Amino acid sequence: MPAASPEIQLRWIKRVKPVAFTACLIPAALLIWRAATDTLGAEPIETITFTTGDWTLRMLMITLAITPLRQLTGWHALIRLRRMFGLYAFFYALLHFTTYIVLDQFFAWQFILEDIAERLYILVGFTAFVLLIPLAATSTNRMLQRLGGKRWQRLHRLTYAVPILGVLHFLWLVKADITEPAIYALVLSILLGYRIVRYRRRRASQAVAGVPKRATP
């Protein structure tokens, strides 16, 4: 079945985008409501930390899923949603990091630095957050133009490193039941595996056709 025309796709995306934008805010709104009504449970800081961490990973997975979806379905207009989901991933990562700095450690910078140095899962999570910052800062069309397409693409390859570090952060944090981080690891493996397979097939096709190989997958 052929994909819809570009005009139809664009109209559909324009209708869906505000709904998706609002839906992405719901987890944060629910946390605020639960905090206001004192229903965060016996460990409120832990609840906020895990919830914001979960939604950071979910937004990263959704962002990575956009490219396979548009390639497999022919709905190329889906690319217009990728930036929004990527920025929401940064938003929830920022909430996750702020919860640790403000609510958990109360700006005790010495203890924070010791935590980062001594606990591997915190170091990995902190690294993932730091890598997200330039991605969010350069997500606009203006920054794309300033950096140039090739430099922008090289920088945004960090998109692949961040979820890997995020999953490792979650996996090493969990002490008993690793079911949830294992699910994230499986989803991430599928999304990255798809890209690797597609890249190798393209290189093989280019080699047969005598076309110069592209450097980026």
C-alpha atoms as a PDB file:
ATOM      1  CA  MET A   1       0.000   0.000   0.000  1.00  0.00           C
ATOM      2  CA  PRO A   2       1.569   3.312  -1.089  1.00  0.00           C
ATOM      3  CA  ALA A   3       2.096   6.048   1.464  1.00  0.00           C
ATOM      4  CA  ALA A   4      -0.081   9.133   1.446  1.00  0.00           C
ATOM      5  CA  SER A   5       0.994  12.099  -0.660  1.00  0.00           C
ATOM      6  CA  PRO A   6       3.400  14.630   0.927  1.00  0.00           C
ATOM      7  CA  GLU A   7       0.564  17.176   1.174  1.00  0.00           C
ATOM      8  CA  ILE A   8      -1.669  14.760   3.106  1.00  0.00           C
ATOM      9  CA  GLN A   9       1.210  13.732   5.344  1.00  0.00           C
ATOM     10  CA  LEU A  10       1.990  17.351   6.132  1.00  0.00           C
ATOM     11  CA  ARG A  11      -1.636  18.133   6.994  1.00  0.00           C
ATOM     12  CA  TRP A  12      -1.797  15.063   9.236  1.00  0.00           C
ATOM     13  CA  ILE A  13       1.420  15.984  11.040  1.00  0.00           C
ATOM     14  CA  LYS A  14       0.206  19.545  11.645  1.00  0.00           C
ATOM     15  CA  ARG A  15      -2.899  18.133  13.347  1.00  0.00           C
ATOM     16  CA  VAL A  16      -1.076  15.482  15.357  1.00  0.00           C
ATOM     17  CA  LYS A  17       1.851  17.604  16.557  1.00  0.00           C
ATOM     18  CA  PRO A  18      -0.101  19.740  19.080  1.00  0.00           C
ATOM     19  CA  VAL A  19      -1.720  16.592  20.470  1.00  0.00           C
ATOM     20  CA  ALA A  20       1.658  14.850  20.782  1.00  0.00           C
ATOM     21  CA  PHE A  21       3.164  17.973  22.371  1.00  0.00           C
ATOM     22  CA  THR A  22       0.432  18.056  25.015  1.00  0.00           C
ATOM     23  CA  ALA A  23       0.625  14.298  25.622  1.00  0.00           C
ATOM     24  CA  CYS A  24       4.342  14.547  26.300  1.00  0.00           C
ATOM     25  CA  LEU A  25       3.646  17.045  29.082  1.00  0.00           C
ATOM     26  CA  ILE A  26       1.203  14.747  30.891  1.00  0.00           C
ATOM     27  CA  PRO A  27       3.847  12.797  32.911  1.00  0.00           C
ATOM     28  CA  ALA A  28       5.308  16.047  34.258  1.00  0.00           C
ATOM     29  CA  ALA A  29       1.842  17.407  35.010  1.00  0.00           C
ATOM     30  CA  LEU A  30       0.929  14.214  36.869  1.00  0.00           C
ATOM     31  CA  LEU A  31       4.073  14.498  38.982  1.00  0.00           C
ATOM     32  CA  ILE A  32       3.188  18.081  39.901  1.00  0.00           C
ATOM     33  CA  TRP A  33      -0.368  17.036  40.785  1.00  0.00           C
ATOM     34  CA  ARG A  34       0.843  14.100  42.882  1.00  0.00           C
ATOM     35  CA  ALA A  35       3.309  16.357  44.696  1.00  0.00           C
ATOM     36  CA  ALA A  36       0.579  18.928  45.358  1.00  0.00           C
ATOM     37  CA  THR A  37      -1.774  16.244  46.708  1.00  0.00           C
ATOM     38  CA  ASP A  38       0.936  14.407  48.671  1.00  0.00           C
ATOM     39  CA  THR A  39       0.408  11.161  46.753  1.00  0.00           C
ATOM     40  CA  LEU A  40       3.983  10.475  45.639  1.00  0.00           C
ATOM     41  CA  GLY A  41       4.262   7.610  48.116  1.00  0.00           C
ATOM     42  CA  ALA A  42       6.583   6.863  50.992  1.00  0.00           C
ATOM     43  CA  GLU A  43       9.675   7.861  48.954  1.00  0.00           C
ATOM     44  CA  PRO A  44       8.613  10.966  46.978  1.00  0.00           C
ATOM     45  CA  ILE A  45      12.115  11.870  45.777  1.00  0.00           C
ATOM     46  CA  GLU A  46      12.655   8.325  44.524  1.00  0.00           C
ATOM     47  CA  THR A  47       9.296   8.430  42.733  1.00  0.00           C
ATOM     48  CA  ILE A  48      10.194  11.668  40.952  1.00  0.00           C
ATOM     49  CA  THR A  49      13.672  10.403  40.106  1.00  0.00           C
ATOM     50  CA  PHE A  50      12.485   7.120  38.597  1.00  0.00           C
ATOM     51  CA  THR A  51       9.551   8.692  36.766  1.00  0.00           C
ATOM     52  CA  THR A  52      11.643  11.401  35.106  1.00  0.00           C
ATOM     53  CA  GLY A  53      14.348   8.863  34.275  1.00  0.00           C
ATOM     54  CA  ASP A  54      11.810   6.506  32.710  1.00  0.00           C
ATOM     55  CA  TRP A  55      10.346   9.251  30.554  1.00  0.00           C
ATOM     56  CA  THR A  56      13.790  10.397  29.471  1.00  0.00           C
ATOM     57  CA  LEU A  57      14.483   6.916  28.106  1.00  0.00           C
ATOM     58  CA  ARG A  58      11.034   6.651  26.539  1.00  0.00           C
ATOM     59  CA  MET A  59      11.437   9.947  24.716  1.00  0.00           C
ATOM     60  CA  LEU A  60      14.874   8.902  23.508  1.00  0.00           C
ATOM     61  CA  MET A  61      13.450   5.635  22.160  1.00  0.00           C
ATOM     62  CA  ILE A  62      10.605   7.459  20.420  1.00  0.00           C
ATOM     63  CA  THR A  63      13.091   9.882  18.888  1.00  0.00           C
ATOM     64  CA  LEU A  64      15.205   7.000  17.563  1.00  0.00           C
ATOM     65  CA  ALA A  65      12.096   5.237  16.256  1.00  0.00           C
ATOM     66  CA  ILE A  66      11.113   8.115  13.966  1.00  0.00           C
ATOM     67  CA  THR A  67      13.681   7.321  11.262  1.00  0.00           C
ATOM     68  CA  PRO A  68      12.823   3.597  10.925  1.00  0.00           C
ATOM     69  CA  LEU A  69       9.111   4.398  10.932  1.00  0.00           C
ATOM     70  CA  ARG A  70       9.338   6.950   8.151  1.00  0.00           C
ATOM     71  CA  GLN A  71      11.623   4.728   6.084  1.00  0.00           C
ATOM     72  CA  LEU A  72       9.466   1.627   6.480  1.00  0.00           C
ATOM     73  CA  THR A  73       6.109   3.355   5.994  1.00  0.00           C
ATOM     74  CA  GLY A  74       7.008   6.087   3.513  1.00  0.00           C
ATOM     75  CA  TRP A  75       5.600   8.696   5.919  1.00  0.00           C
ATOM     76  CA  HIS A  76       8.581  11.027   5.630  1.00  0.00           C
ATOM     77  CA  ALA A  77       6.683  13.892   7.262  1.00  0.00           C
ATOM     78  CA  LEU A  78       7.183  12.083  10.590  1.00  0.00           C
ATOM     79  CA  ILE A  79      10.625  13.692  10.639  1.00  0.00           C
ATOM     80  CA  ARG A  80       8.866  16.894  11.736  1.00  0.00           C
ATOM     81  CA  LEU A  81       8.112  15.234  15.086  1.00  0.00           C
ATOM     82  CA  ARG A  82      11.649  14.058  15.828  1.00  0.00           C
ATOM     83  CA  ARG A  83      12.980  17.366  17.140  1.00  0.00           C
ATOM     84  CA  MET A  84      10.043  17.743  19.506  1.00  0.00           C
ATOM     85  CA  PHE A  85      10.544  14.290  21.034  1.00  0.00           C
ATOM     86  CA  GLY A  86      14.285  14.905  21.291  1.00  0.00           C
ATOM     87  CA  LEU A  87      13.712  18.142  23.188  1.00  0.00           C
ATOM     88  CA  TYR A  88      11.266  16.402  25.494  1.00  0.00           C
ATOM     89  CA  ALA A  89      13.955  13.796  26.186  1.00  0.00           C
ATOM     90  CA  PHE A  90      16.221  16.661  27.269  1.00  0.00           C
ATOM     91  CA  PHE A  91      13.389  18.203  29.305  1.00  0.00           C
ATOM     92  CA  TYR A  92      12.825  15.022  31.326  1.00  0.00           C
ATOM     93  CA  ALA A  93      16.580  14.452  31.644  1.00  0.00           C
ATOM     94  CA  LEU A  94      16.880  17.976  33.051  1.00  0.00           C
ATOM     95  CA  LEU A  95      14.104  17.246  35.568  1.00  0.00           C
ATOM     96  CA  HIS A  96      15.836  13.969  36.455  1.00  0.00           C
ATOM     97  CA  PHE A  97      19.190  15.687  36.988  1.00  0.00           C
ATOM     98  CA  THR A  98      17.643  18.615  38.878  1.00  0.00           C
ATOM     99  CA  THR A  99      15.825  16.219  41.205  1.00  0.00           C
ATOM    100  CA  TYR A 100      19.152  14.627  42.095  1.00  0.00           C
ATOM    101  CA  ILE A 101      20.962  17.957  42.566  1.00  0.00           C
ATOM    102  CA  VAL A 102      18.232  19.849  44.420  1.00  0.00           C
ATOM    103  CA  LEU A 103      15.936  17.382  46.195  1.00  0.00           C
ATOM    104  CA  ASP A 104      18.289  14.485  46.799  1.00  0.00           C
ATOM    105  CA  GLN A 105      21.603  16.232  47.486  1.00  0.00           C
ATOM    106  CA  PHE A 106      20.440  19.775  48.404  1.00  0.00           C
ATOM    107  CA  PHE A 107      23.250  21.383  46.356  1.00  0.00           C
ATOM    108  CA  ALA A 108      25.930  19.565  48.376  1.00  0.00           C
ATOM    109  CA  TRP A 109      28.484  19.868  45.599  1.00  0.00           C
ATOM    110  CA  GLN A 110      31.252  18.011  47.422  1.00  0.00           C
ATOM    111  CA  PHE A 111      29.032  14.960  47.915  1.00  0.00           C
ATOM    112  CA  ILE A 112      27.745  15.259  44.349  1.00  0.00           C
ATOM    113  CA  LEU A 113      31.273  15.220  42.937  1.00  0.00           C
ATOM    114  CA  GLU A 114      32.175  12.282  45.164  1.00  0.00           C
ATOM    115  CA  ASP A 115      29.048  10.437  43.984  1.00  0.00           C
ATOM    116  CA  ILE A 116      29.966  11.027  40.353  1.00  0.00           C
ATOM    117  CA  ALA A 117      33.528   9.836  40.942  1.00  0.00           C
ATOM    118  CA  GLU A 118      32.680   6.796  43.068  1.00  0.00           C
ATOM    119  CA  ARG A 119      29.448   5.434  41.588  1.00  0.00           C
ATOM    120  CA  LEU A 120      29.731   4.267  38.012  1.00  0.00           C
ATOM    121  CA  TYR A 121      26.012   4.468  37.268  1.00  0.00           C
ATOM    122  CA  ILE A 122      25.938   8.124  38.337  1.00  0.00           C
ATOM    123  CA  LEU A 123      29.001   8.909  36.218  1.00  0.00           C
ATOM    124  CA  VAL A 124      27.397   7.260  33.188  1.00  0.00           C
ATOM    125  CA  GLY A 125      24.086   9.053  33.759  1.00  0.00           C
ATOM    126  CA  PHE A 126      25.841  12.388  34.224  1.00  0.00           C
ATOM    127  CA  THR A 127      27.800  11.829  31.006  1.00  0.00           C
ATOM    128  CA  ALA A 128      24.582  11.081  29.112  1.00  0.00           C
ATOM    129  CA  PHE A 129      23.027  14.304  30.412  1.00  0.00           C
ATOM    130  CA  VAL A 130      26.080  16.366  29.444  1.00  0.00           C
ATOM    131  CA  LEU A 131      25.986  14.906  25.925  1.00  0.00           C
ATOM    132  CA  LEU A 132      22.311  15.843  25.615  1.00  0.00           C
ATOM    133  CA  ILE A 133      23.054  19.523  26.212  1.00  0.00           C
ATOM    134  CA  PRO A 134      24.751  20.279  22.848  1.00  0.00           C
ATOM    135  CA  LEU A 135      22.096  18.230  21.056  1.00  0.00           C
ATOM    136  CA  ALA A 136      19.320  20.341  22.566  1.00  0.00           C
ATOM    137  CA  ALA A 137      21.261  23.592  22.059  1.00  0.00           C
ATOM    138  CA  THR A 138      21.791  22.894  18.339  1.00  0.00           C
ATOM    139  CA  SER A 139      18.357  21.502  17.530  1.00  0.00           C
ATOM    140  CA  THR A 140      17.076  24.610  15.746  1.00  0.00           C
ATOM    141  CA  ASN A 141      17.224  25.298  12.014  1.00  0.00           C
ATOM    142  CA  ARG A 142      19.284  28.392  12.754  1.00  0.00           C
ATOM    143  CA  MET A 143      21.972  26.317  14.480  1.00  0.00           C
ATOM    144  CA  LEU A 144      21.901  23.828  11.615  1.00  0.00           C
ATOM    145  CA  GLN A 145      22.645  26.662   9.214  1.00  0.00           C
ATOM    146  CA  ARG A 146      25.405  28.092  11.430  1.00  0.00           C
ATOM    147  CA  LEU A 147      27.154  24.749  11.906  1.00  0.00           C
ATOM    148  CA  GLY A 148      26.642  23.484   8.389  1.00  0.00           C
ATOM    149  CA  GLY A 149      25.076  20.175   7.491  1.00  0.00           C
ATOM    150  CA  LYS A 150      28.163  17.965   7.883  1.00  0.00           C
ATOM    151  CA  ARG A 151      29.297  19.369  11.226  1.00  0.00           C
ATOM    152  CA  TRP A 152      25.713  19.280  12.517  1.00  0.00           C
ATOM    153  CA  GLN A 153      25.370  15.627  11.500  1.00  0.00           C
ATOM    154  CA  ARG A 154      28.661  14.692  13.164  1.00  0.00           C
ATOM    155  CA  LEU A 155      27.571  16.363  16.394  1.00  0.00           C
ATOM    156  CA  HIS A 156      24.162  14.720  16.342  1.00  0.00           C
ATOM    157  CA  ARG A 157      25.652  11.248  16.130  1.00  0.00           C
ATOM    158  CA  LEU A 158      25.690  11.647  19.913  1.00  0.00           C
ATOM    159  CA  THR A 159      22.001  10.742  19.572  1.00  0.00           C
ATOM    160  CA  TYR A 160      23.149   7.118  19.504  1.00  0.00           C
ATOM    161  CA  ALA A 161      25.516   7.363  22.477  1.00  0.00           C
ATOM    162  CA  VAL A 162      23.048   9.019  24.851  1.00  0.00           C
ATOM    163  CA  PRO A 163      20.411   6.231  24.994  1.00  0.00           C
ATOM    164  CA  ILE A 164      23.148   3.590  25.295  1.00  0.00           C
ATOM    165  CA  LEU A 165      24.547   5.417  28.320  1.00  0.00           C
ATOM    166  CA  GLY A 166      21.022   5.961  29.640  1.00  0.00           C
ATOM    167  CA  VAL A 167      20.200   2.257  29.504  1.00  0.00           C
ATOM    168  CA  LEU A 168      23.511   1.379  31.188  1.00  0.00           C
ATOM    169  CA  HIS A 169      22.778   3.975  33.880  1.00  0.00           C
ATOM    170  CA  PHE A 170      19.405   2.335  34.564  1.00  0.00           C
ATOM    171  CA  LEU A 171      20.778  -1.211  34.381  1.00  0.00           C
ATOM    172  CA  TRP A 172      23.581  -0.538  36.869  1.00  0.00           C
ATOM    173  CA  LEU A 173      21.244   1.392  39.150  1.00  0.00           C
ATOM    174  CA  VAL A 174      18.803  -1.495  39.540  1.00  0.00           C
ATOM    175  CA  LYS A 175      19.972  -3.995  42.124  1.00  0.00           C
ATOM    176  CA  ALA A 176      17.427  -6.795  41.849  1.00  0.00           C
ATOM    177  CA  ASP A 177      14.802  -6.928  39.099  1.00  0.00           C
ATOM    178  CA  ILE A 178      16.411  -5.882  35.791  1.00  0.00           C
ATOM    179  CA  THR A 179      13.282  -6.550  33.716  1.00  0.00           C
ATOM    180  CA  GLU A 180      12.544  -2.907  32.909  1.00  0.00           C
ATOM    181  CA  PRO A 181      16.083  -1.869  31.900  1.00  0.00           C
ATOM    182  CA  ALA A 182      16.352  -5.110  29.908  1.00  0.00           C
ATOM    183  CA  ILE A 183      13.251  -4.108  27.930  1.00  0.00           C
ATOM    184  CA  TYR A 184      14.795  -0.728  27.156  1.00  0.00           C
ATOM    185  CA  ALA A 185      18.012  -2.499  26.118  1.00  0.00           C
ATOM    186  CA  LEU A 186      16.059  -4.772  23.768  1.00  0.00           C
ATOM    187  CA  VAL A 187      14.184  -1.884  22.156  1.00  0.00           C
ATOM    188  CA  LEU A 188      17.411   0.077  21.769  1.00  0.00           C
ATOM    189  CA  SER A 189      19.144  -2.948  20.222  1.00  0.00           C
ATOM    190  CA  ILE A 190      16.369  -3.242  17.635  1.00  0.00           C
ATOM    191  CA  LEU A 191      16.480   0.470  16.771  1.00  0.00           C
ATOM    192  CA  LEU A 192      20.258   0.582  16.453  1.00  0.00           C
ATOM    193  CA  GLY A 193      20.406  -2.831  14.780  1.00  0.00           C
ATOM    194  CA  TYR A 194      18.030  -1.611  12.083  1.00  0.00           C
ATOM    195  CA  ARG A 195      20.361   1.292  11.337  1.00  0.00           C
ATOM    196  CA  ILE A 196      23.434  -0.930  11.197  1.00  0.00           C
ATOM    197  CA  VAL A 197      21.767  -3.393   8.812  1.00  0.00           C
ATOM    198  CA  ARG A 198      20.496  -0.606   6.575  1.00  0.00           C
ATOM    199  CA  TYR A 199      23.901   1.092   6.541  1.00  0.00           C
ATOM    200  CA  ARG A 200      25.693  -2.109   5.592  1.00  0.00           C
ATOM    201  CA  ARG A 201      23.203  -2.853   2.832  1.00  0.00           C
ATOM    202  CA  ARG A 202      23.635   0.651   1.434  1.00  0.00           C
ATOM    203  CA  ARG A 203      27.422   0.323   1.482  1.00  0.00           C
ATOM    204  CA  ALA A 204      27.193  -3.040  -0.275  1.00  0.00           C
ATOM    205  CA  SER A 205      24.892  -1.572  -2.941  1.00  0.00           C
ATOM    206  CA  GLN A 206      27.199   1.391  -3.455  1.00  0.00           C
ATOM    207  CA  ALA A 207      30.212  -0.904  -3.762  1.00  0.00           C
ATOM    208  CA  VAL A 208      28.452  -2.954  -6.444  1.00  0.00           C
ATOM    209  CA  ALA A 209      27.368   0.192  -8.296  1.00  0.00           C
ATOM    210  CA  GLY A 210      30.779   1.850  -7.900  1.00  0.00           C
ATOM    211  CA  VAL A 211      29.291   4.785  -5.976  1.00  0.00           C
ATOM    212  CA  PRO A 212      31.560   6.520  -3.398  1.00  0.00           C
ATOM    213  CA  LYS A 213      30.680   5.398   0.132  1.00  0.00           C
ATOM    214  CA  ARG A 214      29.098   7.828   2.519  1.00  0.00           C
ATOM    215  CA  ALA A 215      30.737   8.232   5.890  1.00  0.00           C
ATOM    216  CA  THR A 216      27.558   8.384   7.982  1.00  0.00           C
ATOM    217  CA  PRO A 217      25.049   5.562   8.565  1.00  0.00           C
END
